[in-house]
C-alpha cells in the first residue's frame, strides 16, 4: 500500500512540474497558473518526504540494506 501511495504522489509531482513547464513555454499563459503548479509540486514533495520519514520512524518501512 505504501508503494502505491508513493508512486501516485510522484506521478502528481511530475504532472505538476509538466503543467508548470507548459504554462511557462506558451509564454502568453497566466503566470499565476505556473506559480500555483510549482507551489503544489514543492508542497507535495515536502509532504512525501515527511510521510516517508514518519513511516520509517514507526517501522512501517525499512531501508533495503538494513538487517
N, C-alpha and C. Protein backbone atom coordinates (compact mmCIF):
# COMPACT_ATOMS: atom_id res chain seq x y z
N UNK A 1 0.83 -1.19 0.00
CA UNK A 1 0.00 0.00 0.00
C UNK A 1 0.87 1.26 0.00
N UNK A 2 1.95 1.22 0.76
CA UNK A 2 2.84 2.37 0.84
C UNK A 2 3.47 2.67 -0.52
N UNK A 3 3.84 1.62 -1.23
CA UNK A 3 4.46 1.81 -2.54
C UNK A 3 3.49 2.48 -3.50
N UNK A 4 2.23 2.10 -3.45
CA UNK A 4 1.22 2.68 -4.33
C UNK A 4 1.04 4.16 -4.04
N UNK A 5 0.99 4.53 -2.77
CA UNK A 5 0.83 5.93 -2.38
C UNK A 5 2.03 6.75 -2.86
N UNK A 6 3.23 6.21 -2.68
CA UNK A 6 4.44 6.92 -3.11
C UNK A 6 4.43 7.12 -4.62
N UNK A 7 4.05 6.10 -5.36
CA UNK A 7 4.01 6.21 -6.82
C UNK A 7 2.99 7.23 -7.27
N UNK A 8 1.82 7.24 -6.65
CA UNK A 8 0.77 8.20 -7.01
C UNK A 8 1.24 9.62 -6.73
N UNK A 9 1.88 9.85 -5.59
CA UNK A 9 2.36 11.20 -5.26
C UNK A 9 3.48 11.61 -6.21
N UNK A 10 4.37 10.69 -6.56
CA UNK A 10 5.44 11.02 -7.51
C UNK A 10 4.87 11.38 -8.88
N UNK A 11 3.84 10.67 -9.32
CA UNK A 11 3.21 10.99 -10.60
C UNK A 11 2.56 12.37 -10.53
N UNK A 12 1.94 12.69 -9.39
CA UNK A 12 1.34 14.01 -9.22
C UNK A 12 2.41 15.11 -9.24
N UNK A 13 3.56 14.84 -8.65
CA UNK A 13 4.66 15.81 -8.64
C UNK A 13 5.16 16.06 -10.07
N UNK A 14 5.37 14.99 -10.82
CA UNK A 14 5.84 15.13 -12.20
C UNK A 14 4.78 15.82 -13.06
N UNK A 15 3.51 15.48 -12.84
CA UNK A 15 2.43 16.13 -13.58
C UNK A 15 2.35 17.62 -13.31
N UNK A 16 2.53 18.00 -12.06
CA UNK A 16 2.52 19.41 -11.69
C UNK A 16 3.71 20.14 -12.32
N UNK A 17 4.85 19.49 -12.35
CA UNK A 17 6.02 20.08 -12.98
C UNK A 17 5.80 20.25 -14.48
N UNK A 18 5.18 19.26 -15.11
CA UNK A 18 4.87 19.36 -16.53
C UNK A 18 3.87 20.46 -16.83
N UNK A 19 2.89 20.63 -15.96
CA UNK A 19 1.91 21.70 -16.13
C UNK A 19 2.58 23.07 -16.03
N UNK A 20 3.51 23.22 -15.10
CA UNK A 20 4.23 24.48 -14.97
C UNK A 20 5.11 24.74 -16.19
N UNK A 21 5.74 23.68 -16.70
CA UNK A 21 6.56 23.82 -17.90
C UNK A 21 5.71 24.26 -19.09
N UNK A 22 4.54 23.67 -19.23
CA UNK A 22 3.65 24.03 -20.32
C UNK A 22 3.21 25.49 -20.19
N UNK A 23 2.87 25.92 -18.97
CA UNK A 23 2.44 27.31 -18.76
C UNK A 23 3.58 28.27 -19.06
N UNK A 24 4.82 27.87 -18.74
CA UNK A 24 5.96 28.73 -18.99
C UNK A 24 6.31 28.77 -20.47
N UNK A 25 6.22 27.64 -21.15
CA UNK A 25 6.66 27.58 -22.54
C UNK A 25 5.68 28.25 -23.50
N UNK A 26 4.40 28.35 -23.15
CA UNK A 26 3.45 29.02 -24.04
C UNK A 26 3.71 30.52 -24.06
N UNK A 27 4.21 31.07 -22.98
CA UNK A 27 4.60 32.48 -22.95
C UNK A 27 3.45 33.45 -22.72
N UNK A 28 2.29 33.16 -23.25
CA UNK A 28 1.16 34.08 -23.07
C UNK A 28 0.15 33.53 -22.07
N UNK A 29 0.56 32.54 -21.33
CA UNK A 29 -0.31 31.96 -20.32
C UNK A 29 -0.34 32.78 -19.05
N UNK A 30 -1.12 32.35 -18.11
CA UNK A 30 -1.26 33.04 -16.83
C UNK A 30 -0.08 32.68 -15.93
N UNK A 31 0.73 33.67 -15.51
CA UNK A 31 1.88 33.34 -14.64
C UNK A 31 1.43 32.80 -13.28
N UNK A 32 0.22 33.15 -12.85
CA UNK A 32 -0.27 32.62 -11.58
C UNK A 32 -0.46 31.11 -11.64
N UNK A 33 -0.82 30.61 -12.83
CA UNK A 33 -1.00 29.18 -13.01
C UNK A 33 0.32 28.45 -12.83
N UNK A 34 1.40 29.02 -13.36
CA UNK A 34 2.72 28.41 -13.22
C UNK A 34 3.15 28.42 -11.75
N UNK A 35 2.94 29.54 -11.07
CA UNK A 35 3.33 29.64 -9.66
C UNK A 35 2.54 28.64 -8.82
N UNK A 36 1.24 28.50 -9.11
CA UNK A 36 0.41 27.53 -8.38
C UNK A 36 0.91 26.11 -8.60
N UNK A 37 1.27 25.78 -9.83
CA UNK A 37 1.76 24.44 -10.14
C UNK A 37 3.08 24.15 -9.41
N UNK A 38 3.98 25.11 -9.42
CA UNK A 38 5.26 24.91 -8.73
C UNK A 38 5.08 24.85 -7.22
N UNK A 39 4.15 25.64 -6.69
CA UNK A 39 3.87 25.59 -5.25
C UNK A 39 3.30 24.23 -4.87
N UNK A 40 2.41 23.71 -5.70
CA UNK A 40 1.85 22.39 -5.45
C UNK A 40 2.94 21.32 -5.50
N UNK A 41 3.85 21.44 -6.44
CA UNK A 41 4.95 20.47 -6.55
C UNK A 41 5.83 20.47 -5.30
N UNK A 42 6.18 21.67 -4.84
CA UNK A 42 7.02 21.76 -3.64
C UNK A 42 6.27 21.22 -2.43
N UNK A 43 5.00 21.56 -2.32
CA UNK A 43 4.20 21.07 -1.19
C UNK A 43 4.07 19.55 -1.19
N UNK A 44 3.84 18.97 -2.36
CA UNK A 44 3.75 17.52 -2.45
C UNK A 44 5.08 16.85 -2.13
N UNK A 45 6.17 17.47 -2.56
CA UNK A 45 7.50 16.91 -2.28
C UNK A 45 7.79 16.91 -0.78
N UNK A 46 7.47 18.01 -0.12
CA UNK A 46 7.69 18.10 1.33
C UNK A 46 6.78 17.12 2.06
N UNK A 47 5.53 17.01 1.62
CA UNK A 47 4.59 16.07 2.24
C UNK A 47 5.07 14.63 2.08
N UNK A 48 5.54 14.29 0.89
CA UNK A 48 6.03 12.93 0.65
C UNK A 48 7.26 12.64 1.50
N UNK A 49 8.19 13.58 1.57
CA UNK A 49 9.38 13.38 2.39
C UNK A 49 9.01 13.19 3.86
N UNK A 50 8.12 14.05 4.37
CA UNK A 50 7.69 13.91 5.76
C UNK A 50 6.97 12.59 6.02
N UNK A 51 6.12 12.18 5.08
CA UNK A 51 5.40 10.92 5.25
C UNK A 51 6.37 9.73 5.25
N UNK A 52 7.38 9.77 4.39
CA UNK A 52 8.36 8.69 4.37
C UNK A 52 9.19 8.66 5.66
N UNK A 53 9.53 9.81 6.18
CA UNK A 53 10.28 9.84 7.44
C UNK A 53 9.44 9.31 8.61
N UNK A 54 8.15 9.68 8.63
CA UNK A 54 7.27 9.15 9.68
C UNK A 54 7.08 7.64 9.54
N UNK A 55 6.91 7.15 8.33
CA UNK A 55 6.75 5.72 8.11
C UNK A 55 8.01 4.97 8.54
N UNK A 56 9.17 5.54 8.26
CA UNK A 56 10.42 4.91 8.69
C UNK A 56 10.53 4.93 10.22
N UNK A 57 10.16 6.04 10.84
CA UNK A 57 10.25 6.17 12.29
C UNK A 57 9.36 5.15 13.00
N UNK A 58 8.17 4.92 12.49
CA UNK A 58 7.24 3.99 13.12
C UNK A 58 7.46 2.54 12.67
N UNK A 59 8.42 2.31 11.79
CA UNK A 59 8.76 0.96 11.40
C UNK A 59 7.87 0.38 10.31
N UNK A 60 7.07 1.20 9.64
CA UNK A 60 6.20 0.72 8.58
C UNK A 60 6.99 0.40 7.33
N UNK A 61 8.11 1.08 7.14
CA UNK A 61 9.01 0.80 6.03
C UNK A 61 10.43 0.69 6.59
N UNK A 62 11.29 -0.05 5.91
CA UNK A 62 12.68 -0.17 6.32
C UNK A 62 13.57 0.01 5.11
N UNK A 63 14.78 0.51 5.30
CA UNK A 63 15.71 0.61 4.18
C UNK A 63 16.07 -0.78 3.66
N UNK A 64 16.37 -0.88 2.38
CA UNK A 64 16.67 -2.18 1.77
C UNK A 64 17.92 -2.82 2.37
N UNK A 65 18.92 -2.02 2.73
CA UNK A 65 20.17 -2.56 3.22
C UNK A 65 20.16 -2.86 4.72
N UNK A 66 19.10 -2.53 5.42
CA UNK A 66 19.05 -2.72 6.88
C UNK A 66 18.91 -4.20 7.21
N UNK A 67 19.59 -4.61 8.27
CA UNK A 67 19.49 -6.01 8.71
C UNK A 67 19.20 -6.06 10.17
